[in-house]
Amino acid sequence: MLFCPQCSNMLTNDMGQEVHAFVCRSCPYQFPITRKLSARTVLKQKEVDDVMGGAKAWENVDKTEIRCPKCEHDMAYFRQIQIRSADEPTTQFYRCCNDDCRYEWRLD
């Protein structure tokens, strides 16, 4: 994007029949296009925070009797998190207690 040096408005592309130019809609300023204009900007990716707590989220959680859908083990760790609006019920997250499985699932 180019901006007018006189009034700071954004210049628009005017493709006249003879001369191509960027023109200001507020004042008579024109910037003639004499060559190909291009610019490339590489954006840096933003680091994503682990909103669910990461590996430490499962420390100091309670156990309950519930069957694992993957290995059929009958105990799982659980925690409850409010992920929707306050008038909606909490979501229950489970993790299998079997060290060979550690499958995670949730119930809404």
PDB file of N, CA and C in Angstrom:
ATOM      1  N   MET A   1       0.828  -1.169   0.000  1.00  0.00           N
ATOM      2  CA  MET A   1       0.000   0.000   0.000  1.00  0.00           C
ATOM      3  C   MET A   1       0.880   1.242   0.000  1.00  0.00           C
ATOM      4  N   LEU A   2       0.472   2.200  -0.749  1.00  0.00           N
ATOM      5  CA  LEU A   2       1.156   3.486  -0.780  1.00  0.00           C
ATOM      6  C   LEU A   2       0.218   4.561  -0.251  1.00  0.00           C
ATOM      7  N   PHE A   3       0.812   5.571   0.393  1.00  0.00           N
ATOM      8  CA  PHE A   3       0.025   6.655   0.961  1.00  0.00           C
ATOM      9  C   PHE A   3       0.488   7.984   0.398  1.00  0.00           C
ATOM     10  N   CYS A   4      -0.430   8.907   0.284  1.00  0.00           N
ATOM     11  CA  CYS A   4      -0.172  10.234  -0.260  1.00  0.00           C
ATOM     12  C   CYS A   4       0.748  11.017   0.684  1.00  0.00           C
ATOM     13  N   PRO A   5       1.853  11.584   0.173  1.00  0.00           N
ATOM     14  CA  PRO A   5       2.744  12.363   1.038  1.00  0.00           C
ATOM     15  C   PRO A   5       2.163  13.722   1.428  1.00  0.00           C
ATOM     16  N   GLN A   6       1.103  14.159   0.764  1.00  0.00           N
ATOM     17  CA  GLN A   6       0.507  15.463   1.065  1.00  0.00           C
ATOM     18  C   GLN A   6      -0.617  15.364   2.099  1.00  0.00           C
ATOM     19  N   CYS A   7      -1.508  14.374   1.941  1.00  0.00           N
ATOM     20  CA  CYS A   7      -2.679  14.306   2.838  1.00  0.00           C
ATOM     21  C   CYS A   7      -2.786  12.976   3.595  1.00  0.00           C
ATOM     22  N   SER A   8      -1.887  12.047   3.360  1.00  0.00           N
ATOM     23  CA  SER A   8      -1.791  10.754   4.058  1.00  0.00           C
ATOM     24  C   SER A   8      -2.931   9.793   3.767  1.00  0.00           C
ATOM     25  N   ASN A   9      -3.713  10.031   2.739  1.00  0.00           N
ATOM     26  CA  ASN A   9      -4.731   9.073   2.330  1.00  0.00           C
ATOM     27  C   ASN A   9      -4.095   7.961   1.517  1.00  0.00           C
ATOM     28  N   MET A  10      -4.758   6.814   1.483  1.00  0.00           N
ATOM     29  CA  MET A  10      -4.244   5.690   0.716  1.00  0.00           C
ATOM     30  C   MET A  10      -4.412   5.967  -0.780  1.00  0.00           C
ATOM     31  N   LEU A  11      -3.379   5.651  -1.550  1.00  0.00           N
ATOM     32  CA  LEU A  11      -3.435   5.839  -2.994  1.00  0.00           C
ATOM     33  C   LEU A  11      -4.130   4.649  -3.636  1.00  0.00           C
ATOM     34  N   THR A  12      -4.924   4.921  -4.646  1.00  0.00           N
ATOM     35  CA  THR A  12      -5.603   3.860  -5.383  1.00  0.00           C
ATOM     36  C   THR A  12      -5.002   3.746  -6.774  1.00  0.00           C
ATOM     37  N   ASN A  13      -5.202   2.613  -7.397  1.00  0.00           N
ATOM     38  CA  ASN A  13      -4.637   2.341  -8.706  1.00  0.00           C
ATOM     39  C   ASN A  13      -5.569   2.891  -9.782  1.00  0.00           C
ATOM     40  N   ASP A  14      -5.017   3.797 -10.620  1.00  0.00           N
ATOM     41  CA  ASP A  14      -5.784   4.356 -11.724  1.00  0.00           C
ATOM     42  C   ASP A  14      -5.136   3.875 -13.013  1.00  0.00           C
ATOM     43  N   MET A  15      -5.820   3.011 -13.730  1.00  0.00           N
ATOM     44  CA  MET A  15      -5.269   2.474 -14.972  1.00  0.00           C
ATOM     45  C   MET A  15      -5.820   3.276 -16.137  1.00  0.00           C
ATOM     46  N   GLY A  16      -5.209   4.438 -16.364  1.00  0.00           N
ATOM     47  CA  GLY A  16      -5.614   5.274 -17.499  1.00  0.00           C
ATOM     48  C   GLY A  16      -5.181   4.616 -18.798  1.00  0.00           C
ATOM     49  N   GLN A  17      -5.591   5.202 -19.891  1.00  0.00           N
ATOM     50  CA  GLN A  17      -5.262   4.601 -21.174  1.00  0.00           C
ATOM     51  C   GLN A  17      -3.801   4.793 -21.544  1.00  0.00           C
ATOM     52  N   GLU A  18      -3.195   5.897 -21.133  1.00  0.00           N
ATOM     53  CA  GLU A  18      -1.804   6.157 -21.510  1.00  0.00           C
ATOM     54  C   GLU A  18      -0.831   5.857 -20.378  1.00  0.00           C
ATOM     55  N   VAL A  19      -1.132   6.308 -19.172  1.00  0.00           N
ATOM     56  CA  VAL A  19      -0.207   6.191 -18.047  1.00  0.00           C
ATOM     57  C   VAL A  19      -0.905   5.505 -16.876  1.00  0.00           C
ATOM     58  N   HIS A  20      -0.233   4.488 -16.335  1.00  0.00           N
ATOM     59  CA  HIS A  20      -0.729   3.847 -15.114  1.00  0.00           C
ATOM     60  C   HIS A  20      -0.137   4.603 -13.936  1.00  0.00           C
ATOM     61  N   ALA A  21      -0.967   4.861 -12.918  1.00  0.00           N
ATOM     62  CA  ALA A  21      -0.488   5.621 -11.768  1.00  0.00           C
ATOM     63  C   ALA A  21      -1.320   5.298 -10.532  1.00  0.00           C
ATOM     64  N   PHE A  22      -0.710   5.547  -9.379  1.00  0.00           N
ATOM     65  CA  PHE A  22      -1.444   5.553  -8.122  1.00  0.00           C
ATOM     66  C   PHE A  22      -1.889   6.986  -7.892  1.00  0.00           C
ATOM     67  N   VAL A  23      -3.161   7.180  -7.596  1.00  0.00           N
ATOM     68  CA  VAL A  23      -3.682   8.530  -7.424  1.00  0.00           C
ATOM     69  C   VAL A  23      -4.353   8.669  -6.066  1.00  0.00           C
ATOM     70  N   CYS A  24      -4.339   9.900  -5.573  1.00  0.00           N
ATOM     71  CA  CYS A  24      -5.012  10.233  -4.320  1.00  0.00           C
ATOM     72  C   CYS A  24      -6.415  10.704  -4.647  1.00  0.00           C
ATOM     73  N   ARG A  25      -7.395  10.242  -3.886  1.00  0.00           N
ATOM     74  CA  ARG A  25      -8.785  10.639  -4.133  1.00  0.00           C
ATOM     75  C   ARG A  25      -9.129  11.973  -3.478  1.00  0.00           C
ATOM     76  N   SER A  26      -8.239  12.478  -2.610  1.00  0.00           N
ATOM     77  CA  SER A  26      -8.525  13.721  -1.897  1.00  0.00           C
ATOM     78  C   SER A  26      -7.809  14.938  -2.469  1.00  0.00           C
ATOM     79  N   CYS A  27      -6.647  14.722  -3.070  1.00  0.00           N
ATOM     80  CA  CYS A  27      -5.885  15.844  -3.616  1.00  0.00           C
ATOM     81  C   CYS A  27      -5.376  15.462  -5.010  1.00  0.00           C
ATOM     82  N   PRO A  28      -4.724  16.357  -5.725  1.00  0.00           N
ATOM     83  CA  PRO A  28      -4.313  16.049  -7.096  1.00  0.00           C
ATOM     84  C   PRO A  28      -3.016  15.222  -7.214  1.00  0.00           C
ATOM     85  N   TYR A  29      -2.498  14.672  -6.101  1.00  0.00           N
ATOM     86  CA  TYR A  29      -1.230  13.930  -6.152  1.00  0.00           C
ATOM     87  C   TYR A  29      -1.385  12.661  -6.994  1.00  0.00           C
ATOM     88  N   GLN A  30      -0.340  12.401  -7.837  1.00  0.00           N
ATOM     89  CA  GLN A  30      -0.262  11.180  -8.637  1.00  0.00           C
ATOM     90  C   GLN A  30       1.138  10.606  -8.523  1.00  0.00           C
ATOM     91  N   PHE A  31       1.221   9.271  -8.446  1.00  0.00           N
ATOM     92  CA  PHE A  31       2.501   8.570  -8.416  1.00  0.00           C
ATOM     93  C   PHE A  31       2.528   7.664  -9.643  1.00  0.00           C
ATOM     94  N   PRO A  32       3.255   8.067 -10.713  1.00  0.00           N
ATOM     95  CA  PRO A  32       3.252   7.262 -11.943  1.00  0.00           C
ATOM     96  C   PRO A  32       3.961   5.918 -11.734  1.00  0.00           C
ATOM     97  N   ILE A  33       3.394   4.877 -12.337  1.00  0.00           N
ATOM     98  CA  ILE A  33       3.994   3.542 -12.263  1.00  0.00           C
ATOM     99  C   ILE A  33       4.865   3.381 -13.499  1.00  0.00           C
ATOM    100  N   THR A  34       6.184   3.316 -13.274  1.00  0.00           N
ATOM    101  CA  THR A  34       7.127   3.211 -14.394  1.00  0.00           C
ATOM    102  C   THR A  34       7.763   1.833 -14.490  1.00  0.00           C
ATOM    103  N   ARG A  35       7.631   1.032 -13.447  1.00  0.00           N
ATOM    104  CA  ARG A  35       8.198  -0.319 -13.450  1.00  0.00           C
ATOM    105  C   ARG A  35       7.310  -1.230 -12.615  1.00  0.00           C
ATOM    106  N   LYS A  36       7.581  -2.503 -12.676  1.00  0.00           N
ATOM    107  CA  LYS A  36       6.794  -3.464 -11.914  1.00  0.00           C
ATOM    108  C   LYS A  36       7.102  -3.290 -10.422  1.00  0.00           C
ATOM    109  N   LEU A  37       6.069  -3.150  -9.622  1.00  0.00           N
ATOM    110  CA  LEU A  37       6.218  -2.977  -8.178  1.00  0.00           C
ATOM    111  C   LEU A  37       5.770  -4.243  -7.470  1.00  0.00           C
ATOM    112  N   SER A  38       6.610  -4.736  -6.595  1.00  0.00           N
ATOM    113  CA  SER A  38       6.227  -5.890  -5.781  1.00  0.00           C
ATOM    114  C   SER A  38       7.021  -5.869  -4.489  1.00  0.00           C
ATOM    115  N   ALA A  39       6.437  -6.447  -3.495  1.00  0.00           N
ATOM    116  CA  ALA A  39       7.102  -6.570  -2.196  1.00  0.00           C
ATOM    117  C   ALA A  39       6.667  -7.880  -1.565  1.00  0.00           C
ATOM    118  N   ARG A  40       7.575  -8.504  -0.847  1.00  0.00           N
ATOM    119  CA  ARG A  40       7.276  -9.765  -0.202  1.00  0.00           C
ATOM    120  C   ARG A  40       7.603  -9.633   1.280  1.00  0.00           C
ATOM    121  N   THR A  41       6.682 -10.029   2.104  1.00  0.00           N
ATOM    122  CA  THR A  41       6.882  -9.980   3.540  1.00  0.00           C
ATOM    123  C   THR A  41       6.693 -11.375   4.106  1.00  0.00           C
ATOM    124  N   VAL A  42       7.694 -11.878   4.801  1.00  0.00           N
ATOM    125  CA  VAL A  42       7.602 -13.185   5.441  1.00  0.00           C
ATOM    126  C   VAL A  42       7.159 -12.953   6.885  1.00  0.00           C
ATOM    127  N   LEU A  43       6.021 -13.535   7.238  1.00  0.00           N
ATOM    128  CA  LEU A  43       5.480 -13.344   8.571  1.00  0.00           C
ATOM    129  C   LEU A  43       6.033 -14.401   9.520  1.00  0.00           C
ATOM    130  N   LYS A  44       6.368 -13.981  10.714  1.00  0.00           N
ATOM    131  CA  LYS A  44       6.860 -14.898  11.732  1.00  0.00           C
ATOM    132  C   LYS A  44       5.656 -15.537  12.419  1.00  0.00           C
ATOM    133  N   GLN A  45       5.696 -16.868  12.555  1.00  0.00           N
ATOM    134  CA  GLN A  45       4.587 -17.545  13.202  1.00  0.00           C
ATOM    135  C   GLN A  45       4.593 -17.266  14.690  1.00  0.00           C
ATOM    136  N   LYS A  46       3.408 -17.050  15.208  1.00  0.00           N
ATOM    137  CA  LYS A  46       3.255 -16.777  16.617  1.00  0.00           C
ATOM    138  C   LYS A  46       3.335 -18.081  17.403  1.00  0.00           C
ATOM    139  N   GLU A  47       3.978 -18.040  18.563  1.00  0.00           N
ATOM    140  CA  GLU A  47       4.042 -19.225  19.401  1.00  0.00           C
ATOM    141  C   GLU A  47       2.675 -19.453  20.035  1.00  0.00           C
ATOM    142  N   VAL A  48       2.257 -20.696  20.049  1.00  0.00           N
ATOM    143  CA  VAL A  48       0.950 -21.041  20.571  1.00  0.00           C
ATOM    144  C   VAL A  48       1.108 -21.538  22.004  1.00  0.00           C
ATOM    145  N   ASP A  49       0.337 -20.935  22.909  1.00  0.00           N
ATOM    146  CA  ASP A  49       0.341 -21.366  24.304  1.00  0.00           C
ATOM    147  C   ASP A  49      -0.510 -22.620  24.445  1.00  0.00           C
ATOM    148  N   ASP A  50      -0.098 -23.502  25.338  1.00  0.00           N
ATOM    149  CA  ASP A  50      -0.878 -24.693  25.602  1.00  0.00           C
ATOM    150  C   ASP A  50      -1.956 -24.340  26.613  1.00  0.00           C
ATOM    151  N   VAL A  51      -3.149 -24.052  26.116  1.00  0.00           N
ATOM    152  CA  VAL A  51      -4.228 -23.584  26.982  1.00  0.00           C
ATOM    153  C   VAL A  51      -4.788 -24.678  27.877  1.00  0.00           C
ATOM    154  N   MET A  52      -4.519 -25.920  27.565  1.00  0.00           N
ATOM    155  CA  MET A  52      -5.024 -27.021  28.375  1.00  0.00           C
ATOM    156  C   MET A  52      -4.048 -27.429  29.480  1.00  0.00           C
ATOM    157  N   GLY A  53      -2.920 -26.739  29.617  1.00  0.00           N
ATOM    158  CA  GLY A  53      -2.019 -27.000  30.731  1.00  0.00           C
ATOM    159  C   GLY A  53      -0.814 -27.865  30.418  1.00  0.00           C
ATOM    160  N   GLY A  54      -0.762 -28.512  29.293  1.00  0.00           N
ATOM    161  CA  GLY A  54       0.388 -29.320  28.906  1.00  0.00           C
ATOM    162  C   GLY A  54       0.550 -30.556  29.778  1.00  0.00           C
ATOM    163  N   ALA A  55       1.789 -30.989  29.966  1.00  0.00           N
ATOM    164  CA  ALA A  55       2.078 -32.207  30.717  1.00  0.00           C
ATOM    165  C   ALA A  55       1.753 -32.054  32.199  1.00  0.00           C
ATOM    166  N   LYS A  56       1.897 -30.865  32.734  1.00  0.00           N
ATOM    167  CA  LYS A  56       1.646 -30.643  34.165  1.00  0.00           C
ATOM    168  C   LYS A  56       0.163 -30.633  34.512  1.00  0.00           C
ATOM    169  N   ALA A  57      -0.700 -30.602  33.522  1.00  0.00           N
ATOM    170  CA  ALA A  57      -2.133 -30.547  33.785  1.00  0.00           C
ATOM    171  C   ALA A  57      -2.638 -31.809  34.473  1.00  0.00           C
ATOM    172  N   TRP A  58      -1.970 -32.928  34.266  1.00  0.00           N
ATOM    173  CA  TRP A  58      -2.430 -34.197  34.830  1.00  0.00           C
ATOM    174  C   TRP A  58      -1.772 -34.509  36.163  1.00  0.00           C
ATOM    175  N   GLU A  59      -0.985 -33.575  36.725  1.00  0.00           N
ATOM    176  CA  GLU A  59      -0.419 -33.784  38.055  1.00  0.00           C
ATOM    177  C   GLU A  59      -1.481 -33.488  39.102  1.00  0.00           C
ATOM    178  N   ASN A  60      -1.512 -34.259  40.159  1.00  0.00           N
ATOM    179  CA  ASN A  60      -2.419 -34.058  41.295  1.00  0.00           C
ATOM    180  C   ASN A  60      -3.896 -34.078  40.911  1.00  0.00           C
ATOM    181  N   VAL A  61      -4.286 -34.963  40.015  1.00  0.00           N
ATOM    182  CA  VAL A  61      -5.695 -35.112  39.666  1.00  0.00           C
ATOM    183  C   VAL A  61      -6.249 -36.365  40.328  1.00  0.00           C
ATOM    184  N   ASP A  62      -7.548 -36.455  40.439  1.00  0.00           N
ATOM    185  CA  ASP A  62      -8.203 -37.592  41.085  1.00  0.00           C
ATOM    186  C   ASP A  62      -8.472 -38.714  40.094  1.00  0.00           C
ATOM    187  N   LYS A  63      -8.770 -39.919  40.663  1.00  0.00           N
ATOM    188  CA  LYS A  63      -9.128 -41.086  39.864  1.00  0.00           C
ATOM    189  C   LYS A  63     -10.613 -41.357  40.032  1.00  0.00           C
ATOM    190  N   THR A  64     -11.162 -42.027  39.038  1.00  0.00           N
ATOM    191  CA  THR A  64     -12.550 -42.463  39.124  1.00  0.00           C
ATOM    192  C   THR A  64     -12.709 -43.781  38.390  1.00  0.00           C
ATOM    193  N   GLU A  65     -13.799 -44.472  38.677  1.00  0.00           N
ATOM    194  CA  GLU A  65     -14.076 -45.733  37.982  1.00  0.00           C
ATOM    195  C   GLU A  65     -14.830 -45.429  36.700  1.00  0.00           C
ATOM    196  N   ILE A  66     -14.148 -45.578  35.593  1.00  0.00           N
ATOM    197  CA  ILE A  66     -14.741 -45.419  34.262  1.00  0.00           C
ATOM    198  C   ILE A  66     -13.910 -46.264  33.302  1.00  0.00           C
ATOM    199  N   ARG A  67     -14.565 -46.900  32.362  1.00  0.00           N
ATOM    200  CA  ARG A  67     -13.880 -47.819  31.451  1.00  0.00           C
ATOM    201  C   ARG A  67     -13.229 -47.056  30.301  1.00  0.00           C
ATOM    202  N   CYS A  68     -11.950 -47.341  30.061  1.00  0.00           N
ATOM    203  CA  CYS A  68     -11.205 -46.730  28.954  1.00  0.00           C
ATOM    204  C   CYS A  68     -11.744 -47.273  27.629  1.00  0.00           C
ATOM    205  N   PRO A  69     -12.095 -46.405  26.679  1.00  0.00           N
ATOM    206  CA  PRO A  69     -12.620 -46.886  25.403  1.00  0.00           C
ATOM    207  C   PRO A  69     -11.576 -47.592  24.541  1.00  0.00           C
ATOM    208  N   LYS A  70     -10.300 -47.441  24.877  1.00  0.00           N
ATOM    209  CA  LYS A  70      -9.251 -48.044  24.055  1.00  0.00           C
ATOM    210  C   LYS A  70      -8.802 -49.398  24.596  1.00  0.00           C
ATOM    211  N   CYS A  71      -8.474 -49.457  25.905  1.00  0.00           N
ATOM    212  CA  CYS A  71      -7.889 -50.695  26.446  1.00  0.00           C
ATOM    213  C   CYS A  71      -8.793 -51.411  27.443  1.00  0.00           C
ATOM    214  N   GLU A  72      -9.977 -50.858  27.724  1.00  0.00           N
ATOM    215  CA  GLU A  72     -10.946 -51.448  28.643  1.00  0.00           C
ATOM    216  C   GLU A  72     -10.503 -51.452  30.102  1.00  0.00           C
ATOM    217  N   HIS A  73      -9.454 -50.682  30.444  1.00  0.00           N
ATOM    218  CA  HIS A  73      -9.036 -50.545  31.846  1.00  0.00           C
ATOM    219  C   HIS A  73     -10.156 -49.835  32.600  1.00  0.00           C
ATOM    220  N   ASP A  74     -10.365 -50.192  33.886  1.00  0.00           N
ATOM    221  CA  ASP A  74     -11.545 -49.680  34.587  1.00  0.00           C
ATOM    222  C   ASP A  74     -11.288 -48.464  35.473  1.00  0.00           C
ATOM    223  N   MET A  75     -10.094 -47.862  35.429  1.00  0.00           N
ATOM    224  CA  MET A  75      -9.804 -46.657  36.205  1.00  0.00           C
ATOM    225  C   MET A  75      -9.204 -45.594  35.292  1.00  0.00           C
ATOM    226  N   ALA A  76      -9.538 -44.321  35.585  1.00  0.00           N
ATOM    227  CA  ALA A  76      -8.985 -43.216  34.790  1.00  0.00           C
ATOM    228  C   ALA A  76      -8.839 -41.992  35.685  1.00  0.00           C
ATOM    229  N   TYR A  77      -7.859 -41.163  35.355  1.00  0.00           N
ATOM    230  CA  TYR A  77      -7.725 -39.858  35.994  1.00  0.00           C
ATOM    231  C   TYR A  77      -8.752 -38.939  35.354  1.00  0.00           C
ATOM    232  N   PHE A  78      -9.212 -37.935  36.080  1.00  0.00           N
ATOM    233  CA  PHE A  78     -10.168 -37.005  35.483  1.00  0.00           C
ATOM    234  C   PHE A  78      -9.939 -35.598  36.000  1.00  0.00           C
ATOM    235  N   ARG A  79     -10.396 -34.647  35.203  1.00  0.00           N
ATOM    236  CA  ARG A  79     -10.412 -33.232  35.594  1.00  0.00           C
ATOM    237  C   ARG A  79     -11.556 -32.559  34.849  1.00  0.00           C
ATOM    238  N   GLN A  80     -12.068 -31.502  35.424  1.00  0.00           N
ATOM    239  CA  GLN A  80     -13.186 -30.779  34.838  1.00  0.00           C
ATOM    240  C   GLN A  80     -12.749 -29.357  34.511  1.00  0.00           C
ATOM    241  N   ILE A  81     -13.094 -28.909  33.305  1.00  0.00           N
ATOM    242  CA  ILE A  81     -12.713 -27.569  32.850  1.00  0.00           C
ATOM    243  C   ILE A  81     -13.940 -26.892  32.244  1.00  0.00           C
ATOM    244  N   GLN A  82     -14.099 -25.628  32.551  1.00  0.00           N
ATOM    245  CA  GLN A  82     -15.180 -24.830  31.969  1.00  0.00           C
ATOM    246  C   GLN A  82     -14.689 -24.271  30.636  1.00  0.00           C
ATOM    247  N   ILE A  83     -15.077 -24.890  29.520  1.00  0.00           N
ATOM    248  CA  ILE A  83     -14.597 -24.437  28.206  1.00  0.00           C
ATOM    249  C   ILE A  83     -15.667 -23.704  27.415  1.00  0.00           C
ATOM    250  N   ARG A  84     -16.898 -23.732  27.912  1.00  0.00           N
ATOM    251  CA  ARG A  84     -17.986 -22.996  27.255  1.00  0.00           C
ATOM    252  C   ARG A  84     -18.438 -21.881  28.178  1.00  0.00           C
ATOM    253  N   SER A  85     -19.546 -21.254  27.870  1.00  0.00           N
ATOM    254  CA  SER A  85     -20.029 -20.140  28.689  1.00  0.00           C
ATOM    255  C   SER A  85     -20.394 -20.628  30.093  1.00  0.00           C
ATOM    256  N   ALA A  86     -20.511 -19.696  31.003  1.00  0.00           N
ATOM    257  CA  ALA A  86     -20.705 -20.024  32.417  1.00  0.00           C
ATOM    258  C   ALA A  86     -22.019 -20.742  32.686  1.00  0.00           C
ATOM    259  N   ASP A  87     -23.025 -20.550  31.854  1.00  0.00           N
ATOM    260  CA  ASP A  87     -24.298 -21.220  32.095  1.00  0.00           C
ATOM    261  C   ASP A  87     -24.353 -22.627  31.505  1.00  0.00           C
ATOM    262  N   GLU A  88     -23.272 -23.087  30.892  1.00  0.00           N
ATOM    263  CA  GLU A  88     -23.173 -24.446  30.360  1.00  0.00           C
ATOM    264  C   GLU A  88     -22.418 -25.324  31.360  1.00  0.00           C
ATOM    265  N   PRO A  89     -22.649 -26.633  31.350  1.00  0.00           N
ATOM    266  CA  PRO A  89     -21.917 -27.510  32.281  1.00  0.00           C
ATOM    267  C   PRO A  89     -20.434 -27.631  31.913  1.00  0.00           C
ATOM    268  N   THR A  90     -19.630 -28.062  32.880  1.00  0.00           N
ATOM    269  CA  THR A  90     -18.195 -28.236  32.631  1.00  0.00           C
ATOM    270  C   THR A  90     -17.971 -29.441  31.728  1.00  0.00           C
ATOM    271  N   THR A  91     -16.803 -29.482  31.095  1.00  0.00           N
ATOM    272  CA  THR A  91     -16.405 -30.615  30.275  1.00  0.00           C
ATOM    273  C   THR A  91     -15.457 -31.475  31.096  1.00  0.00           C
ATOM    274  N   GLN A  92     -15.680 -32.792  31.086  1.00  0.00           N
ATOM    275  CA  GLN A  92     -14.855 -33.718  31.856  1.00  0.00           C
ATOM    276  C   GLN A  92     -13.836 -34.364  30.935  1.00  0.00           C
ATOM    277  N   PHE A  93     -12.567 -34.264  31.333  1.00  0.00           N
ATOM    278  CA  PHE A  93     -11.471 -34.874  30.585  1.00  0.00           C
ATOM    279  C   PHE A  93     -10.967 -36.066  31.366  1.00  0.00           C
ATOM    280  N   TYR A  94     -10.694 -37.166  30.652  1.00  0.00           N
ATOM    281  CA  TYR A  94     -10.226 -38.394  31.276  1.00  0.00           C
ATOM    282  C   TYR A  94      -8.917 -38.837  30.646  1.00  0.00           C
ATOM    283  N   ARG A  95      -8.099 -39.537  31.474  1.00  0.00           N
ATOM    284  CA  ARG A  95      -6.857 -40.134  30.993  1.00  0.00           C
ATOM    285  C   ARG A  95      -6.733 -41.500  31.643  1.00  0.00           C
ATOM    286  N   CYS A  96      -6.522 -42.510  30.832  1.00  0.00           N
ATOM    287  CA  CYS A  96      -6.444 -43.879  31.318  1.00  0.00           C
ATOM    288  C   CYS A  96      -5.302 -44.029  32.321  1.00  0.00           C
ATOM    289  N   CYS A  97      -5.555 -44.769  33.415  1.00  0.00           N
ATOM    290  CA  CYS A  97      -4.536 -45.010  34.439  1.00  0.00           C
ATOM    291  C   CYS A  97      -3.525 -46.069  34.022  1.00  0.00           C
ATOM    292  N   ASN A  98      -3.846 -46.856  33.001  1.00  0.00           N
ATOM    293  CA  ASN A  98      -2.947 -47.899  32.520  1.00  0.00           C
ATOM    294  C   ASN A  98      -1.716 -47.235  31.884  1.00  0.00           C
ATOM    295  N   ASP A  99      -0.522 -47.512  32.435  1.00  0.00           N
ATOM    296  CA  ASP A  99       0.709 -46.879  31.939  1.00  0.00           C
ATOM    297  C   ASP A  99       1.009 -47.223  30.489  1.00  0.00           C
ATOM    298  N   ASP A 100       0.538 -48.380  30.005  1.00  0.00           N
ATOM    299  CA  ASP A 100       0.774 -48.767  28.611  1.00  0.00           C
ATOM    300  C   ASP A 100      -0.188 -48.067  27.650  1.00  0.00           C
ATOM    301  N   CYS A 101      -1.284 -47.533  28.158  1.00  0.00           N
ATOM    302  CA  CYS A 101      -2.303 -46.926  27.296  1.00  0.00           C
ATOM    303  C   CYS A 101      -2.236 -45.395  27.331  1.00  0.00           C
ATOM    304  N   ARG A 102      -2.562 -44.785  28.462  1.00  0.00           N
ATOM    305  CA  ARG A 102      -2.594 -43.327  28.651  1.00  0.00           C
ATOM    306  C   ARG A 102      -3.497 -42.613  27.638  1.00  0.00           C
ATOM    307  N   TYR A 103      -4.541 -43.284  27.183  1.00  0.00           N
ATOM    308  CA  TYR A 103      -5.492 -42.703  26.229  1.00  0.00           C
ATOM    309  C   TYR A 103      -6.262 -41.574  26.902  1.00  0.00           C
ATOM    310  N   GLU A 104      -6.510 -40.488  26.176  1.00  0.00           N
ATOM    311  CA  GLU A 104      -7.247 -39.342  26.716  1.00  0.00           C
ATOM    312  C   GLU A 104      -8.531 -39.146  25.925  1.00  0.00           C
ATOM    313  N   TRP A 105      -9.634 -38.849  26.625  1.00  0.00           N
ATOM    314  CA  TRP A 105     -10.902 -38.571  25.986  1.00  0.00           C
ATOM    315  C   TRP A 105     -11.684 -37.597  26.837  1.00  0.00           C
ATOM    316  N   ARG A 106     -12.791 -37.131  26.308  1.00  0.00           N
ATOM    317  CA  ARG A 106     -13.594 -36.162  27.059  1.00  0.00           C
ATOM    318  C   ARG A 106     -15.073 -36.481  26.930  1.00  0.00           C
ATOM    319  N   LEU A 107     -15.829 -36.044  27.907  1.00  0.00           N
ATOM    320  CA  LEU A 107     -17.286 -36.146  27.897  1.00  0.00           C
ATOM    321  C   LEU A 107     -17.860 -34.767  28.070  1.00  0.00           C
ATOM    322  N   ASP A 108     -18.738 -34.366  27.172  1.00  0.00           N
ATOM    323  CA  ASP A 108     -19.371 -33.039  27.252  1.00  0.00           C
ATOM    324  C   ASP A 108     -20.635 -33.111  28.051  1.00  0.00           C
TER     325      ASP A 108
END
